[in-house]
């Protein structure tokens, strides 16, 4: 997937537009799980050998174990930076974005649902990549995707095309969610100096 963020589109059916999860699913863990298999690729610059660990995070064994730990770490990081990041937004949208990203808790959220949410998110990632990346089981299942067209294999077009389409789907979902969200009391606005510092 050229754009890891595109993977979040696969879990949108499990997330309501108000930011809450369907049933007892946890939206932040669904999204973090959908990103988790690619984290070793981003860590490769700082952690020697991390790139090779991507084979583990893209396996079903990894989905059930390592990806869960990565998703939990990503959610922890998100909870640390969420408020300061949203404080940088203009006042007219800050409260609405806050309402969407904090969502409304629905039902009982036991640790089992954290696990289910993270695993579901990571599974969507691994399955999607299976049909859009060389050497994966999806291409063995649908070998026509390895056929060349215009100098590139069909899975290459599927990879870039689905990634671009998913970004559009995410953008539309977020735009509608923020547009329809009630204005909530979000974080206190960041100072002008803090905004400039964030841009630096």
Protein backbone atom coordinates (compact mmCIF):
# COMPACT_ATOMS: atom_id res chain seq x y z
CA UNK A 1 0.00 0.00 0.00
CA UNK A 2 1.66 3.24 -1.08
CA UNK A 3 -0.21 5.16 1.62
CA UNK A 4 -0.49 3.32 4.94
CA UNK A 5 -3.20 5.75 6.03
CA UNK A 6 -5.40 4.39 3.23
CA UNK A 7 -5.80 1.17 5.20
CA UNK A 8 -8.10 2.96 7.65
CA UNK A 9 -10.77 3.00 4.93
CA UNK A 10 -11.19 -0.76 5.34
CA UNK A 11 -12.41 -0.37 8.94
CA UNK A 12 -14.84 2.49 8.25
CA UNK A 13 -17.83 0.11 8.08
CA UNK A 14 -17.12 -0.59 11.77
CA UNK A 15 -17.07 3.11 12.74
CA UNK A 16 -20.08 5.40 13.01
CA UNK A 17 -19.84 8.94 11.70
CA UNK A 18 -19.99 10.29 15.26
CA UNK A 19 -16.66 8.56 15.93
CA UNK A 20 -18.05 5.67 17.96
CA UNK A 21 -17.57 2.03 17.08
CA UNK A 22 -20.32 -0.28 15.96
CA UNK A 23 -21.32 -2.68 18.69
CA UNK A 24 -18.49 -2.91 21.18
CA UNK A 25 -15.67 -2.30 18.71
CA UNK A 26 -13.10 0.34 19.64
CA UNK A 27 -12.50 2.77 16.73
CA UNK A 28 -9.01 3.87 17.78
CA UNK A 29 -7.85 0.25 17.92
CA UNK A 30 -9.53 -0.59 14.61
CA UNK A 31 -7.61 2.22 12.92
CA UNK A 32 -4.35 1.54 14.78
CA UNK A 33 -4.66 -2.14 13.92
CA UNK A 34 -5.09 -1.25 10.25
CA UNK A 35 -1.78 0.67 10.40
CA UNK A 36 0.15 -1.78 12.63
CA UNK A 37 1.59 -4.16 9.99
CA UNK A 38 3.43 -1.27 8.27
CA UNK A 39 4.98 0.22 11.42
CA UNK A 40 8.26 -1.75 11.02
CA UNK A 41 8.80 -0.02 7.66
CA UNK A 42 8.53 3.40 9.32
CA UNK A 43 10.76 2.29 12.19
CA UNK A 44 13.47 0.99 9.85
CA UNK A 45 15.33 4.32 9.88
CA UNK A 46 15.76 4.21 13.64
CA UNK A 47 15.76 0.47 14.37
CA UNK A 48 18.24 -1.67 12.39
CA UNK A 49 16.56 -4.75 10.92
CA UNK A 50 13.03 -3.46 11.45
CA UNK A 51 12.26 -3.73 7.73
CA UNK A 52 12.62 -7.52 7.82
CA UNK A 53 10.17 -7.65 10.74
CA UNK A 54 7.47 -6.55 8.28
CA UNK A 55 7.16 -10.18 7.19
CA UNK A 56 6.06 -11.05 10.72
CA UNK A 57 3.59 -8.18 11.05
CA UNK A 58 2.06 -9.11 7.68
CA UNK A 59 1.46 -12.74 8.72
CA UNK A 60 -1.66 -14.06 10.41
CA UNK A 61 0.44 -15.10 13.42
CA UNK A 62 1.63 -11.49 13.62
CA UNK A 63 -1.93 -10.20 13.36
CA UNK A 64 -2.86 -12.16 16.48
CA UNK A 65 0.22 -11.15 18.50
CA UNK A 66 2.71 -8.49 17.43
CA UNK A 67 0.20 -6.30 15.61
CA UNK A 68 -1.90 -6.13 18.77
CA UNK A 69 1.08 -4.78 20.74
CA UNK A 70 1.88 -2.29 17.97
CA UNK A 71 -1.77 -1.15 17.80
CA UNK A 72 -1.89 -0.62 21.57
CA UNK A 73 1.33 1.42 21.40
CA UNK A 74 -0.08 3.52 18.54
CA UNK A 75 -3.26 4.23 20.51
CA UNK A 76 -1.16 5.19 23.55
CA UNK A 77 0.84 7.59 21.39
CA UNK A 78 -2.38 8.99 19.89
CA UNK A 79 -3.79 9.65 23.36
CA UNK A 80 -0.61 11.56 24.24
CA UNK A 81 -0.60 13.80 21.16
CA UNK A 82 -4.33 14.09 20.40
CA UNK A 83 -5.05 17.14 22.53
CA UNK A 84 -1.96 19.16 21.56
CA UNK A 85 -2.53 18.42 17.87
CA UNK A 86 -6.19 19.38 17.95
CA UNK A 87 -5.32 22.57 19.83
CA UNK A 88 -3.53 23.67 16.65
CA UNK A 89 -6.75 23.56 14.61
CA UNK A 90 -8.78 26.71 13.91
CA UNK A 91 -11.50 27.36 16.50
CA UNK A 92 -14.35 26.98 14.00
CA UNK A 93 -13.56 23.26 13.48
CA UNK A 94 -11.67 22.30 16.64
CA UNK A 95 -14.75 21.39 18.70
CA UNK A 96 -16.33 19.37 15.89
CA UNK A 97 -13.12 17.43 15.20
CA UNK A 98 -12.78 16.83 18.93
CA UNK A 99 -16.32 15.39 19.03
CA UNK A 100 -15.49 12.97 16.20
CA UNK A 101 -12.08 11.78 17.41
CA UNK A 102 -13.19 11.28 20.99
CA UNK A 103 -16.43 9.58 19.92
CA UNK A 104 -19.04 8.31 22.31
CA UNK A 105 -18.48 5.11 24.24
CA UNK A 106 -21.20 2.57 23.51
CA UNK A 107 -21.64 -0.51 25.63
CA UNK A 108 -19.13 -2.36 27.73
CA UNK A 109 -15.53 -2.10 26.50
CA UNK A 110 -13.72 -5.03 28.09
CA UNK A 111 -10.14 -5.85 27.06
CA UNK A 112 -11.50 -8.63 24.83
CA UNK A 113 -12.99 -5.92 22.57
CA UNK A 114 -9.67 -4.09 22.47
CA UNK A 115 -8.11 -7.32 21.19
CA UNK A 116 -10.91 -8.01 18.70
CA UNK A 117 -10.75 -4.44 17.36
CA UNK A 118 -6.97 -4.43 16.89
CA UNK A 119 -6.98 -7.89 15.27
CA UNK A 120 -9.84 -6.96 12.94
CA UNK A 121 -8.00 -3.81 11.85
CA UNK A 122 -4.73 -5.68 11.26
CA UNK A 123 -6.55 -8.45 9.38
CA UNK A 124 -8.02 -5.96 6.91
CA UNK A 125 -4.49 -4.67 6.26
CA UNK A 126 -2.95 -8.11 5.70
CA UNK A 127 -5.78 -9.27 3.42
CA UNK A 128 -5.69 -6.05 1.36
CA UNK A 129 -1.92 -6.27 0.94
CA UNK A 130 -2.18 -9.94 -0.06
CA UNK A 131 -3.78 -8.91 -3.35
CA UNK A 132 -1.65 -5.83 -4.03
CA UNK A 133 1.93 -6.86 -3.14
CA UNK A 134 4.27 -9.36 -4.82
CA UNK A 135 4.93 -12.73 -3.20
CA UNK A 136 1.78 -12.75 -1.07
CA UNK A 137 -0.83 -15.51 -0.83
CA UNK A 138 -3.53 -13.42 -2.50
CA UNK A 139 -1.61 -13.36 -5.77
CA UNK A 140 -1.29 -17.14 -5.68
CA UNK A 141 -5.05 -17.31 -5.11
CA UNK A 142 -5.79 -14.90 -8.00
CA UNK A 143 -2.82 -15.36 -10.36
CA UNK A 144 -4.32 -13.08 -13.03
CA UNK A 145 -3.16 -10.17 -10.84
CA UNK A 146 0.44 -11.03 -11.75
CA UNK A 147 -0.25 -10.58 -15.49
CA UNK A 148 1.48 -7.62 -17.13
CA UNK A 149 -0.53 -4.73 -18.53
CA UNK A 150 1.12 -1.60 -19.90
CA UNK A 151 4.49 -2.68 -18.53
CA UNK A 152 3.32 -3.29 -14.94
CA UNK A 153 1.58 -6.20 -13.21
CA UNK A 154 -2.13 -5.81 -12.50
CA UNK A 155 -1.51 -5.96 -8.74
CA UNK A 156 0.53 -2.74 -9.09
CA UNK A 157 -2.54 -0.98 -10.51
CA UNK A 158 -4.67 -2.51 -7.78
CA UNK A 159 -2.20 -1.26 -5.17
CA UNK A 160 -2.07 2.34 -6.33
CA UNK A 161 -5.68 2.52 -7.49
CA UNK A 162 -7.15 1.14 -4.28
CA UNK A 163 -4.84 3.34 -2.21
CA UNK A 164 -5.97 6.50 -4.02
CA UNK A 165 -9.64 5.49 -3.87
CA UNK A 166 -9.33 4.73 -0.15
CA UNK A 167 -7.87 8.21 0.49
CA UNK A 168 -10.91 9.73 -1.22
CA UNK A 169 -13.26 7.53 0.83
CA UNK A 170 -11.47 8.57 4.05
CA UNK A 171 -11.62 12.24 3.09
CA UNK A 172 -15.36 12.09 2.37
CA UNK A 173 -16.04 10.17 5.59
CA UNK A 174 -14.08 12.67 7.70
CA UNK A 175 -15.59 15.70 5.96
CA UNK A 176 -19.13 14.41 6.56
CA UNK A 177 -18.34 13.38 10.13
CA UNK A 178 -16.91 16.79 11.03
CA UNK A 179 -19.67 18.63 9.16
CA UNK A 180 -22.40 16.73 11.04
CA UNK A 181 -20.69 16.66 14.45
CA UNK A 182 -22.08 18.78 17.26
CA UNK A 183 -19.82 21.54 18.44
CA UNK A 184 -18.09 20.25 21.55
CA UNK A 185 -15.70 21.82 23.98
CA UNK A 186 -12.36 20.77 22.60
CA UNK A 187 -8.88 21.45 23.87
CA UNK A 188 -7.80 25.01 24.60
CA UNK A 189 -6.39 26.72 21.52
CA UNK A 190 -2.64 26.69 21.14
CA UNK A 191 -0.88 30.02 21.25
CA UNK A 192 0.38 31.60 18.05
CA UNK A 193 3.95 30.81 19.12
CA UNK A 194 3.01 27.14 19.65
CA UNK A 195 1.43 26.99 16.20
CA UNK A 196 4.59 28.36 14.57
CA UNK A 197 6.72 25.99 16.61
CA UNK A 198 4.60 23.05 15.43
CA UNK A 199 5.17 24.08 11.82
CA UNK A 200 8.94 24.36 12.30
